[in-house]
N, C-alpha and C. Protein backbone atom coordinates (compact mmCIF):
# COMPACT_ATOMS: atom_id res chain seq x y z
N UNK A 1 114.59 105.03 116.56
CA UNK A 1 113.57 104.20 115.95
C UNK A 1 112.58 103.79 117.04
N UNK A 2 111.30 104.07 116.84
CA UNK A 2 110.27 103.77 117.81
C UNK A 2 109.64 102.42 117.48
N UNK A 3 109.96 101.40 118.28
CA UNK A 3 109.44 100.07 118.03
C UNK A 3 107.92 100.00 118.06
N UNK A 4 107.30 100.79 118.93
CA UNK A 4 105.84 100.77 119.04
C UNK A 4 105.20 101.18 117.71
N UNK A 5 105.71 102.23 117.11
CA UNK A 5 105.18 102.71 115.83
C UNK A 5 105.44 101.69 114.73
N UNK A 6 106.64 101.14 114.70
CA UNK A 6 106.98 100.14 113.69
C UNK A 6 106.07 98.93 113.81
N UNK A 7 105.87 98.45 115.01
CA UNK A 7 105.02 97.27 115.22
C UNK A 7 103.58 97.57 114.83
N UNK A 8 103.08 98.74 115.20
CA UNK A 8 101.71 99.11 114.80
C UNK A 8 101.59 99.17 113.28
N UNK A 9 102.60 99.69 112.60
CA UNK A 9 102.56 99.76 111.14
C UNK A 9 102.63 98.37 110.51
N UNK A 10 103.40 97.47 111.10
CA UNK A 10 103.44 96.09 110.60
C UNK A 10 102.08 95.44 110.79
N UNK A 11 101.49 95.62 111.97
CA UNK A 11 100.17 95.04 112.24
C UNK A 11 99.12 95.61 111.28
N UNK A 12 99.21 96.88 110.99
CA UNK A 12 98.28 97.49 110.03
C UNK A 12 98.45 96.87 108.65
N UNK A 13 99.69 96.69 108.23
CA UNK A 13 99.95 96.08 106.93
C UNK A 13 99.38 94.66 106.88
N UNK A 14 99.61 93.90 107.94
CA UNK A 14 99.08 92.52 107.99
C UNK A 14 97.56 92.52 107.88
N UNK A 15 96.93 93.42 108.59
CA UNK A 15 95.46 93.50 108.56
C UNK A 15 94.95 93.91 107.18
N UNK A 16 95.56 94.93 106.60
CA UNK A 16 95.14 95.41 105.28
C UNK A 16 95.35 94.36 104.19
N UNK A 17 96.36 93.53 104.38
CA UNK A 17 96.67 92.50 103.39
C UNK A 17 96.15 91.12 103.78
N UNK A 18 95.32 91.10 104.82
CA UNK A 18 94.68 89.88 105.30
C UNK A 18 95.68 88.75 105.52
N UNK A 19 96.74 89.09 106.23
CA UNK A 19 97.78 88.11 106.55
C UNK A 19 97.84 87.95 108.07
N UNK A 20 97.84 86.72 108.56
CA UNK A 20 97.96 86.51 110.00
C UNK A 20 99.42 86.60 110.47
N UNK A 21 99.60 86.70 111.75
CA UNK A 21 100.94 86.73 112.33
C UNK A 21 101.71 85.47 111.95
N UNK A 22 101.00 84.34 111.87
CA UNK A 22 101.66 83.07 111.53
C UNK A 22 102.30 83.14 110.14
N UNK A 23 101.66 83.84 109.21
CA UNK A 23 102.22 84.00 107.86
C UNK A 23 103.54 84.77 107.95
N UNK A 24 103.52 85.87 108.69
CA UNK A 24 104.73 86.68 108.83
C UNK A 24 105.84 85.87 109.50
N UNK A 25 105.48 85.13 110.54
CA UNK A 25 106.48 84.31 111.24
C UNK A 25 107.13 83.33 110.28
N UNK A 26 106.33 82.67 109.49
CA UNK A 26 106.85 81.69 108.53
C UNK A 26 107.76 82.35 107.50
N UNK A 27 107.36 83.51 107.01
CA UNK A 27 108.12 84.21 105.97
C UNK A 27 109.49 84.67 106.46
N UNK A 28 109.59 85.05 107.72
CA UNK A 28 110.88 85.58 108.21
C UNK A 28 111.63 84.58 109.08
N UNK A 29 111.11 83.37 109.19
CA UNK A 29 111.84 82.32 109.89
C UNK A 29 111.78 82.36 111.40
N UNK A 30 110.67 82.86 111.94
CA UNK A 30 110.48 82.88 113.38
C UNK A 30 109.24 82.07 113.74
N UNK A 31 109.11 81.75 115.01
CA UNK A 31 107.90 81.07 115.46
C UNK A 31 106.79 82.10 115.63
N UNK A 32 105.56 81.63 115.56
CA UNK A 32 104.41 82.51 115.77
C UNK A 32 104.47 83.10 117.18
N UNK A 33 104.90 82.29 118.14
CA UNK A 33 105.02 82.77 119.53
C UNK A 33 106.01 83.93 119.63
N UNK A 34 107.12 83.84 118.90
CA UNK A 34 108.12 84.91 118.92
C UNK A 34 107.54 86.20 118.33
N UNK A 35 106.81 86.08 117.22
CA UNK A 35 106.17 87.26 116.62
C UNK A 35 105.19 87.87 117.61
N UNK A 36 104.42 87.03 118.26
CA UNK A 36 103.45 87.51 119.25
C UNK A 36 104.16 88.25 120.39
N UNK A 37 105.28 87.73 120.83
CA UNK A 37 106.04 88.39 121.90
C UNK A 37 106.63 89.72 121.43
N UNK A 38 107.06 89.77 120.19
CA UNK A 38 107.58 91.03 119.64
C UNK A 38 106.45 92.05 119.57
N UNK A 39 105.29 91.63 119.08
CA UNK A 39 104.16 92.54 118.95
C UNK A 39 103.64 93.02 120.30
N UNK A 40 103.75 92.19 121.32
CA UNK A 40 103.26 92.58 122.65
C UNK A 40 104.29 93.41 123.41
N UNK A 41 105.51 93.47 122.90
CA UNK A 41 106.55 94.24 123.56
C UNK A 41 107.38 93.44 124.55
N UNK A 42 107.09 92.15 124.67
CA UNK A 42 107.86 91.29 125.56
C UNK A 42 109.27 91.09 125.04
N UNK A 43 109.40 91.00 123.73
CA UNK A 43 110.71 90.85 123.10
C UNK A 43 110.95 92.04 122.18
N UNK A 44 112.21 92.33 121.97
CA UNK A 44 112.60 93.46 121.11
C UNK A 44 112.65 93.01 119.66
N UNK A 45 112.20 93.87 118.77
CA UNK A 45 112.30 93.63 117.34
C UNK A 45 113.75 93.87 116.92
N UNK A 46 114.43 92.81 116.53
CA UNK A 46 115.83 92.92 116.14
C UNK A 46 115.94 93.45 114.71
N UNK A 47 117.04 94.11 114.44
CA UNK A 47 117.26 94.69 113.12
C UNK A 47 117.19 93.64 112.02
N UNK A 48 117.78 92.48 112.25
CA UNK A 48 117.76 91.44 111.22
C UNK A 48 116.33 90.99 110.91
N UNK A 49 115.46 90.95 111.92
CA UNK A 49 114.07 90.59 111.68
C UNK A 49 113.33 91.71 110.95
N UNK A 50 113.64 92.95 111.32
CA UNK A 50 113.03 94.09 110.65
C UNK A 50 113.39 94.10 109.17
N UNK A 51 114.63 93.81 108.85
CA UNK A 51 115.05 93.78 107.44
C UNK A 51 114.32 92.68 106.67
N UNK A 52 114.12 91.54 107.32
CA UNK A 52 113.36 90.46 106.68
C UNK A 52 111.91 90.86 106.46
N UNK A 53 111.33 91.56 107.44
CA UNK A 53 109.94 92.02 107.31
C UNK A 53 109.82 93.00 106.14
N UNK A 54 110.78 93.91 106.03
CA UNK A 54 110.77 94.86 104.91
C UNK A 54 110.80 94.11 103.58
N UNK A 55 111.61 93.07 103.51
CA UNK A 55 111.76 92.31 102.28
C UNK A 55 110.46 91.58 101.90
N UNK A 56 109.84 90.90 102.86
CA UNK A 56 108.65 90.10 102.53
C UNK A 56 107.40 90.96 102.32
N UNK A 57 107.34 92.12 102.97
CA UNK A 57 106.16 92.97 102.81
C UNK A 57 106.31 93.96 101.65
N UNK A 58 107.55 94.23 101.26
CA UNK A 58 107.78 95.21 100.21
C UNK A 58 107.68 96.64 100.70
N UNK A 59 107.58 96.81 102.02
CA UNK A 59 107.49 98.15 102.59
C UNK A 59 108.86 98.82 102.65
N UNK A 60 108.85 100.11 102.72
CA UNK A 60 110.08 100.90 102.88
C UNK A 60 110.25 101.24 104.36
N UNK A 61 111.48 101.42 104.78
CA UNK A 61 111.75 101.77 106.18
C UNK A 61 111.02 103.05 106.57
N UNK A 62 110.99 104.02 105.68
CA UNK A 62 110.31 105.28 105.98
C UNK A 62 108.83 105.07 106.27
N UNK A 63 108.23 104.13 105.58
CA UNK A 63 106.81 103.83 105.79
C UNK A 63 106.61 103.21 107.17
N UNK A 64 107.47 102.28 107.53
CA UNK A 64 107.32 101.61 108.82
C UNK A 64 107.60 102.53 110.00
N UNK A 65 108.47 103.49 109.82
CA UNK A 65 108.86 104.34 110.94
C UNK A 65 108.02 105.61 111.05
N UNK A 66 107.16 105.86 110.07
CA UNK A 66 106.35 107.08 110.14
C UNK A 66 105.09 106.83 110.96
N UNK A 67 104.79 107.78 111.80
CA UNK A 67 103.61 107.68 112.66
C UNK A 67 102.55 108.64 112.17
N UNK A 68 101.32 108.16 112.17
CA UNK A 68 100.22 109.05 111.84
C UNK A 68 99.95 109.95 113.03
N UNK A 69 99.23 111.02 112.81
CA UNK A 69 98.86 111.92 113.89
C UNK A 69 98.05 111.19 114.95
N UNK A 70 97.17 110.28 114.51
CA UNK A 70 96.37 109.50 115.45
C UNK A 70 97.25 108.64 116.34
N UNK A 71 98.26 108.00 115.74
CA UNK A 71 99.15 107.16 116.53
C UNK A 71 99.89 107.98 117.58
N UNK A 72 100.38 109.13 117.18
CA UNK A 72 101.11 109.97 118.12
C UNK A 72 100.21 110.50 119.23
N UNK A 73 98.98 110.83 118.89
CA UNK A 73 98.05 111.36 119.88
C UNK A 73 97.61 110.29 120.87
N UNK A 74 97.50 109.04 120.43
CA UNK A 74 96.98 107.98 121.28
C UNK A 74 98.04 107.28 122.09
N UNK A 75 99.30 107.44 121.75
CA UNK A 75 100.35 106.75 122.48
C UNK A 75 100.60 107.42 123.81
N UNK A 76 100.83 106.61 124.81
CA UNK A 76 101.22 107.12 126.12
C UNK A 76 102.74 107.22 126.11
N UNK A 77 103.24 108.38 126.44
CA UNK A 77 104.68 108.59 126.43
C UNK A 77 105.17 108.72 127.87
N UNK A 78 106.27 108.09 128.15
CA UNK A 78 106.86 108.17 129.48
C UNK A 78 108.37 108.12 129.34
N UNK A 79 109.00 108.67 130.34
CA UNK A 79 110.46 108.64 130.37
C UNK A 79 110.86 108.10 131.73
N UNK A 80 111.63 107.05 131.72
CA UNK A 80 112.07 106.43 132.95
C UNK A 80 113.55 106.71 133.13
N UNK A 81 113.88 107.27 134.23
CA UNK A 81 115.28 107.56 134.53
C UNK A 81 115.79 106.53 135.52
N UNK A 82 116.96 106.03 135.26
CA UNK A 82 117.52 105.00 136.12
C UNK A 82 117.16 103.63 135.58
N UNK A 83 117.07 102.68 136.47
CA UNK A 83 116.79 101.31 136.05
C UNK A 83 115.90 100.64 137.08
N UNK A 84 115.24 99.60 136.65
CA UNK A 84 114.42 98.82 137.57
C UNK A 84 115.35 98.01 138.47
N UNK A 85 114.93 97.85 139.70
CA UNK A 85 115.77 97.10 140.63
C UNK A 85 115.70 95.60 140.39
N UNK A 86 114.61 95.14 139.79
CA UNK A 86 114.48 93.71 139.48
C UNK A 86 113.41 93.52 138.40
N UNK A 87 113.29 92.30 137.91
CA UNK A 87 112.34 92.00 136.84
C UNK A 87 110.91 92.21 137.28
N UNK A 88 110.61 91.95 138.55
CA UNK A 88 109.25 92.10 139.04
C UNK A 88 108.80 93.57 138.99
N UNK A 89 109.69 94.48 139.34
CA UNK A 89 109.32 95.91 139.29
C UNK A 89 109.10 96.35 137.85
N UNK A 90 109.90 95.84 136.93
CA UNK A 90 109.70 96.17 135.52
C UNK A 90 108.36 95.62 135.03
N UNK A 91 108.04 94.40 135.40
CA UNK A 91 106.77 93.78 135.02
C UNK A 91 105.59 94.57 135.59
N UNK A 92 105.70 94.99 136.84
CA UNK A 92 104.65 95.77 137.48
C UNK A 92 104.46 97.11 136.77
N UNK A 93 105.56 97.74 136.39
CA UNK A 93 105.49 99.01 135.68
C UNK A 93 104.80 98.84 134.33
N UNK A 94 105.15 97.79 133.59
CA UNK A 94 104.52 97.53 132.30
C UNK A 94 103.03 97.25 132.46
N UNK A 95 102.67 96.55 133.51
CA UNK A 95 101.25 96.28 133.78
C UNK A 95 100.50 97.58 134.08
N UNK A 96 101.15 98.48 134.82
CA UNK A 96 100.55 99.78 135.11
C UNK A 96 100.33 100.58 133.83
N UNK A 97 101.32 100.59 132.95
CA UNK A 97 101.16 101.29 131.67
C UNK A 97 100.01 100.70 130.86
N UNK A 98 99.92 99.38 130.87
CA UNK A 98 98.83 98.71 130.14
C UNK A 98 97.49 99.12 130.73
N UNK A 99 97.37 99.14 132.07
CA UNK A 99 96.13 99.54 132.73
C UNK A 99 95.77 100.99 132.39
N UNK A 100 96.75 101.86 132.36
CA UNK A 100 96.50 103.26 132.01
C UNK A 100 95.98 103.37 130.59
N UNK A 101 96.60 102.65 129.66
CA UNK A 101 96.17 102.68 128.27
C UNK A 101 94.73 102.19 128.14
N UNK A 102 94.40 101.11 128.83
CA UNK A 102 93.03 100.58 128.78
C UNK A 102 92.03 101.58 129.35
N UNK A 103 92.42 102.27 130.43
CA UNK A 103 91.56 103.28 131.03
C UNK A 103 91.31 104.43 130.05
N UNK A 104 92.38 104.89 129.41
CA UNK A 104 92.24 105.98 128.43
C UNK A 104 91.34 105.53 127.28
N UNK A 105 91.53 104.31 126.79
CA UNK A 105 90.68 103.79 125.72
C UNK A 105 89.22 103.73 126.15
N UNK A 106 88.98 103.30 127.38
CA UNK A 106 87.62 103.21 127.90
C UNK A 106 86.99 104.59 128.00
N UNK A 107 87.75 105.55 128.50
CA UNK A 107 87.25 106.93 128.58
C UNK A 107 86.89 107.48 127.21
N UNK A 108 87.75 107.23 126.23
CA UNK A 108 87.47 107.69 124.86
C UNK A 108 86.22 107.04 124.31
N UNK A 109 86.02 105.76 124.59
CA UNK A 109 84.83 105.05 124.11
C UNK A 109 83.59 105.62 124.75
N UNK A 110 83.64 105.89 126.03
CA UNK A 110 82.48 106.42 126.75
C UNK A 110 82.15 107.81 126.27
N UNK A 111 83.16 108.63 125.99
CA UNK A 111 82.96 110.02 125.61
C UNK A 111 82.68 110.23 124.13
N UNK A 112 82.77 109.19 123.33
CA UNK A 112 82.50 109.32 121.89
C UNK A 112 81.03 109.23 121.58
């Protein structure tokens, strides 16, 4: 299960249905801050929360887990072997990935 795709699909549903993150947080019994952390990747989307999201949105698991061609093409994929030696190295790595994604987005904007 790819959390990035699931989260993007949840965000798309919220946008299409004009619902803020705070609405989703209230519906599934979490704080808005927790939802924000899940959406940013700081916290993991737990199965129990995913099941609650499916219930309140009426979406099917297959819908949430399916990625469009655009999503697959735009995602940066990486494979990390081993483990980070400490939290700071993991944070630095995530920051690097974020910087790369922003650079790719900027390049696409300039070239369009």
